Amino acid sequence: MNVLITGANRGLGLALVDYALKKGDTVIATVRKMSPELAEQQSKYPDALQILLLDVTDEEAIMQAQEKLAQKIDKIDVIINNAAILNGRDQMIENLSFEDCLTAFDINTLGPARIIKHFLPLLRNGQQKSIINLSSEAGSLTNAYPGDYPYGLSKVALNMLTEKLLRELKDDQINVISVHPGWMHTDMGGKQAPTDPNDTAKGIYNFIENPPKSTTGYQFFEYSGKMMDI
């Protein structure tokens, strides 16, 4: 498979790259900047790992990257929208920064939309066609909690993007789901987080190979396969 993974230089994105490469797949990794860990992977898998330097907020850069990629490959099988920001955590409504909210929406919601918009033609040519949007339990309306306004609002919107795409792309037989990755031991999740990102990567890959069946009518799952409350 050809797998496109955004935000691939660290954390879950890097774990997804590692898992895909070990499975023998070709990975297109998008990053704003290289990391030593990703550079090491590129040296180990020079033919299977291609790195695209782009920011998911920069539509022109995404368009250019897609055009260059389309000259080398004719299909993508999977898009994993992993790039995200967790900002403004200490803000409640009376000190909420709308600039932080706009930044979160730009990266967490519109970033995936931009990637899908421009790479969809290649995805339509794929075999196991999937779009995996990395969401969060913070995007659950029924389990809302105080704070985390920028992140939570942007992830609710991302879940809506998933639902709209599922309906728009049903005739293309593209599997579209939102995934809560768990509270992971990453730079974003912190050292106290209990979940290993490698376990999450394995769970996400299982969704690609064995698309989950919704019991609620919504495409929102935990990485373990359990349904999430919308």
Protein backbone atom coordinates (compact mmCIF):
# COMPACT_ATOMS: atom_id res chain seq x y z
CA MET A 1 0.00 0.00 0.00
CA ASN A 2 0.92 3.64 -0.42
CA VAL A 3 0.15 5.42 2.86
CA LEU A 4 0.21 9.20 3.35
CA ILE A 5 0.74 10.27 6.97
CA THR A 6 0.71 13.91 8.11
CA GLY A 7 2.63 15.16 11.14
CA ALA A 8 5.01 12.23 10.77
CA ASN A 9 8.15 13.51 12.49
CA ARG A 10 7.31 12.54 16.08
CA GLY A 11 4.80 10.93 18.42
CA LEU A 12 1.97 8.94 16.87
CA GLY A 13 2.89 10.06 13.36
CA LEU A 14 6.37 8.60 13.72
CA ALA A 15 4.93 5.40 15.24
CA LEU A 16 2.61 5.09 12.24
CA VAL A 17 5.53 5.55 9.85
CA ASP A 18 7.51 2.86 11.68
CA TYR A 19 4.59 0.42 11.68
CA ALA A 20 3.79 0.94 7.99
CA LEU A 21 7.40 0.52 6.91
CA LYS A 22 7.77 -2.68 8.90
CA LYS A 23 4.62 -3.95 7.19
CA GLY A 24 6.34 -3.41 3.86
CA ASP A 25 4.24 -0.46 2.73
CA THR A 26 5.38 2.67 0.96
CA VAL A 27 5.02 5.77 3.15
CA ILE A 28 4.59 9.39 2.10
CA ALA A 29 5.33 11.34 5.28
CA THR A 30 4.44 15.02 5.51
CA VAL A 31 6.26 17.21 8.02
CA ARG A 32 6.92 20.87 8.65
CA LYS A 33 10.50 20.02 9.58
CA MET A 34 12.63 16.92 9.80
CA SER A 35 13.42 15.15 13.05
CA PRO A 36 16.45 12.93 13.77
CA GLU A 37 14.11 9.97 14.26
CA LEU A 38 12.47 10.41 10.85
CA ALA A 39 15.84 10.95 9.20
CA GLU A 40 16.96 7.63 10.68
CA GLN A 41 13.93 5.92 9.20
CA GLN A 42 14.69 7.43 5.81
CA SER A 43 18.23 6.05 5.93
CA LYS A 44 16.86 2.58 6.81
CA TYR A 45 14.11 2.63 4.17
CA PRO A 46 15.37 4.91 1.37
CA ASP A 47 13.12 3.36 -1.28
CA ALA A 48 9.98 3.01 0.83
CA LEU A 49 9.86 6.37 2.64
CA GLN A 50 9.26 9.64 0.85
CA ILE A 51 9.15 12.86 2.83
CA LEU A 52 7.15 15.91 1.81
CA LEU A 53 8.00 19.17 3.57
CA LEU A 54 4.77 21.10 3.97
CA ASP A 55 2.54 22.82 6.50
CA VAL A 56 -1.09 21.65 6.50
CA THR A 57 -2.19 25.29 6.78
CA ASP A 58 -0.46 26.16 3.48
CA GLU A 59 -2.74 25.14 0.63
CA GLU A 60 -0.31 26.25 -2.06
CA ALA A 61 2.43 24.05 -0.58
CA ILE A 62 0.02 21.11 -0.45
CA MET A 63 -0.92 21.62 -4.10
CA GLN A 64 2.73 21.71 -5.15
CA ALA A 65 3.55 18.61 -3.10
CA GLN A 66 0.64 16.73 -4.67
CA GLU A 67 1.74 17.67 -8.17
CA LYS A 68 5.29 16.46 -7.53
CA LEU A 69 4.05 13.24 -5.95
CA ALA A 70 1.67 12.55 -8.84
CA GLN A 71 4.66 12.53 -11.18
CA LYS A 72 6.13 9.60 -9.21
CA ILE A 73 3.12 7.51 -8.16
CA ASP A 74 -0.37 7.03 -9.56
CA LYS A 75 -2.23 6.14 -6.38
CA ILE A 76 -2.53 6.51 -2.62
CA ASP A 77 -4.35 3.81 -0.69
CA VAL A 78 -4.64 5.51 2.69
CA ILE A 79 -4.57 9.06 4.05
CA ILE A 80 -3.94 9.37 7.80
CA ASN A 81 -4.55 12.91 9.02
CA ASN A 82 -2.45 13.00 12.17
CA ALA A 83 -0.98 16.53 12.28
CA ALA A 84 -2.55 18.51 15.13
CA ILE A 85 -1.99 21.15 17.78
CA LEU A 86 -3.09 21.23 21.43
CA ASN A 87 -3.09 24.86 22.50
CA GLY A 88 -4.81 27.23 24.92
CA ARG A 89 -5.36 24.51 27.51
CA ASP A 90 -5.50 26.78 30.55
CA GLN A 91 -8.19 29.04 29.09
CA MET A 92 -11.78 29.20 30.25
CA ILE A 93 -14.45 31.22 28.46
CA GLU A 94 -13.63 34.53 30.20
CA ASN A 95 -10.01 34.47 29.08
CA LEU A 96 -10.44 32.49 25.88
CA SER A 97 -8.15 33.49 23.01
CA PHE A 98 -10.02 33.39 19.73
CA GLU A 99 -6.67 33.53 17.96
CA ASP A 100 -5.85 30.19 19.60
CA CYS A 101 -9.22 28.84 18.47
CA LEU A 102 -8.58 29.93 14.88
CA THR A 103 -5.13 28.35 14.95
CA ALA A 104 -6.57 25.06 16.21
CA PHE A 105 -9.26 25.05 13.53
CA ASP A 106 -6.72 25.89 10.84
CA ILE A 107 -4.51 22.94 11.75
CA ASN A 108 -6.84 20.35 13.27
CA THR A 109 -9.89 20.75 11.03
CA LEU A 110 -8.98 22.61 7.86
CA GLY A 111 -5.57 20.93 7.66
CA PRO A 112 -7.14 17.50 7.04
CA ALA A 113 -9.68 19.08 4.68
CA ARG A 114 -6.88 20.62 2.59
CA ILE A 115 -4.96 17.34 2.44
CA ILE A 116 -8.05 15.39 1.37
CA LYS A 117 -9.07 18.04 -1.16
CA HIS A 118 -5.79 17.83 -3.07
CA PHE A 119 -4.79 14.18 -2.61
CA LEU A 120 -8.25 12.73 -3.24
CA PRO A 121 -7.60 12.13 -6.97
CA LEU A 122 -4.69 9.83 -6.06
CA LEU A 123 -6.75 8.15 -3.33
CA ARG A 124 -9.54 7.38 -5.80
CA ASN A 125 -7.02 5.25 -7.70
CA GLY A 126 -6.12 3.23 -4.60
CA GLN A 127 -7.05 -0.29 -3.55
CA GLN A 128 -7.77 -0.32 0.22
CA LYS A 129 -9.11 3.21 0.14
CA SER A 130 -9.26 4.79 3.60
CA ILE A 131 -9.22 8.22 5.21
CA ILE A 132 -8.33 8.12 8.90
CA ASN A 133 -8.85 11.40 10.78
CA LEU A 134 -7.14 11.47 14.17
CA SER A 135 -9.73 12.97 16.46
CA SER A 136 -10.07 12.87 20.26
CA GLU A 137 -12.47 12.16 23.08
CA ALA A 138 -12.38 15.96 23.44
CA GLY A 139 -14.53 16.00 20.29
CA SER A 140 -17.40 14.10 21.94
CA LEU A 141 -20.51 16.22 22.48
CA THR A 142 -22.03 13.79 24.97
CA ASN A 143 -18.88 13.66 27.11
CA ALA A 144 -17.95 17.34 27.01
CA TYR A 145 -15.79 18.72 29.81
CA PRO A 146 -14.68 22.26 30.78
CA GLY A 147 -11.70 23.91 29.13
CA ASP A 148 -9.67 22.85 26.09
CA TYR A 149 -11.86 25.09 23.93
CA PRO A 150 -9.55 25.42 20.90
CA TYR A 151 -8.77 21.69 20.73
CA GLY A 152 -12.25 20.41 21.61
CA LEU A 153 -14.10 22.67 19.18
CA SER A 154 -11.71 21.83 16.35
CA LYS A 155 -12.07 18.08 16.96
CA VAL A 156 -15.89 18.26 17.00
CA ALA A 157 -15.63 19.95 13.61
CA LEU A 158 -13.20 17.27 12.42
CA ASN A 159 -15.76 14.59 13.33
CA MET A 160 -18.33 16.44 11.24
CA LEU A 161 -15.85 16.51 8.35
CA THR A 162 -15.59 12.72 8.65
CA GLU A 163 -19.37 12.29 8.51
CA LYS A 164 -19.72 14.59 5.50
CA LEU A 165 -16.90 12.87 3.64
CA LEU A 166 -18.36 9.43 4.35
CA ARG A 167 -21.59 10.45 2.66
CA GLU A 168 -19.98 12.35 -0.21
CA LEU A 169 -17.51 9.57 -1.04
CA LYS A 170 -19.74 6.53 -0.52
CA ASP A 171 -19.90 5.78 -4.25
CA ASP A 172 -16.08 5.78 -4.34
CA GLN A 173 -16.08 3.07 -1.64
CA ILE A 174 -13.70 5.04 0.55
CA ASN A 175 -13.63 4.10 4.23
CA VAL A 176 -13.71 7.32 6.31
CA ILE A 177 -13.43 7.25 10.11
CA SER A 178 -12.48 9.43 13.06
CA VAL A 179 -10.23 7.77 15.62
CA HIS A 180 -9.62 8.62 19.26
CA PRO A 181 -5.97 7.56 19.70
CA GLY A 182 -6.09 7.31 23.49
CA TRP A 183 -4.11 9.32 26.01
CA MET A 184 -0.66 8.60 24.62
CA HIS A 185 2.84 8.89 26.00
CA THR A 186 3.98 11.55 23.51
CA ASP A 187 5.09 15.19 23.61
CA MET A 188 1.40 16.18 23.38
CA GLY A 189 0.11 13.61 25.87
CA GLY A 190 2.88 13.93 28.43
CA LYS A 191 5.02 11.42 30.27
CA GLN A 192 2.20 10.37 32.58
CA ALA A 193 0.00 9.12 29.71
CA PRO A 194 -0.66 5.37 29.84
CA THR A 195 -0.98 4.51 26.15
CA ASP A 196 1.97 3.51 23.97
CA PRO A 197 1.69 5.22 20.56
CA ASN A 198 2.93 2.00 18.94
CA ASP A 199 -0.20 0.25 20.23
CA THR A 200 -2.34 3.03 18.79
CA ALA A 201 -0.55 2.77 15.45
CA LYS A 202 -1.28 -0.97 15.35
CA GLY A 203 -4.96 -0.33 16.12
CA ILE A 204 -5.26 2.30 13.41
CA TYR A 205 -3.68 -0.03 10.88
CA ASN A 206 -6.21 -2.68 11.81
CA PHE A 207 -8.96 -0.24 10.79
CA ILE A 208 -7.37 -0.01 7.34
CA GLU A 209 -7.14 -3.76 6.87
CA ASN A 210 -10.45 -4.52 8.62
CA PRO A 211 -12.78 -1.49 8.45
CA PRO A 212 -14.86 -1.31 11.65
CA LYS A 213 -18.63 -1.54 11.63
CA SER A 214 -20.46 1.29 13.34
CA THR A 215 -23.22 0.40 15.80
CA THR A 216 -24.33 4.02 16.27
CA GLY A 217 -24.46 5.28 12.71
CA TYR A 218 -21.40 7.47 13.28
CA GLN A 219 -17.80 6.78 12.28
CA PHE A 220 -16.07 7.59 15.58
CA PHE A 221 -13.95 4.85 17.16
CA GLU A 222 -11.31 4.40 19.80
CA TYR A 223 -8.07 2.92 18.48
CA SER A 224 -8.98 -0.35 20.22
CA GLY A 225 -12.07 -0.71 18.04
CA LYS A 226 -14.60 0.44 20.65
CA MET A 227 -17.26 2.91 19.52
CA MET A 228 -16.88 6.45 20.81
CA ASP A 229 -19.79 8.63 21.88
CA ILE A 230 -20.38 11.32 19.29
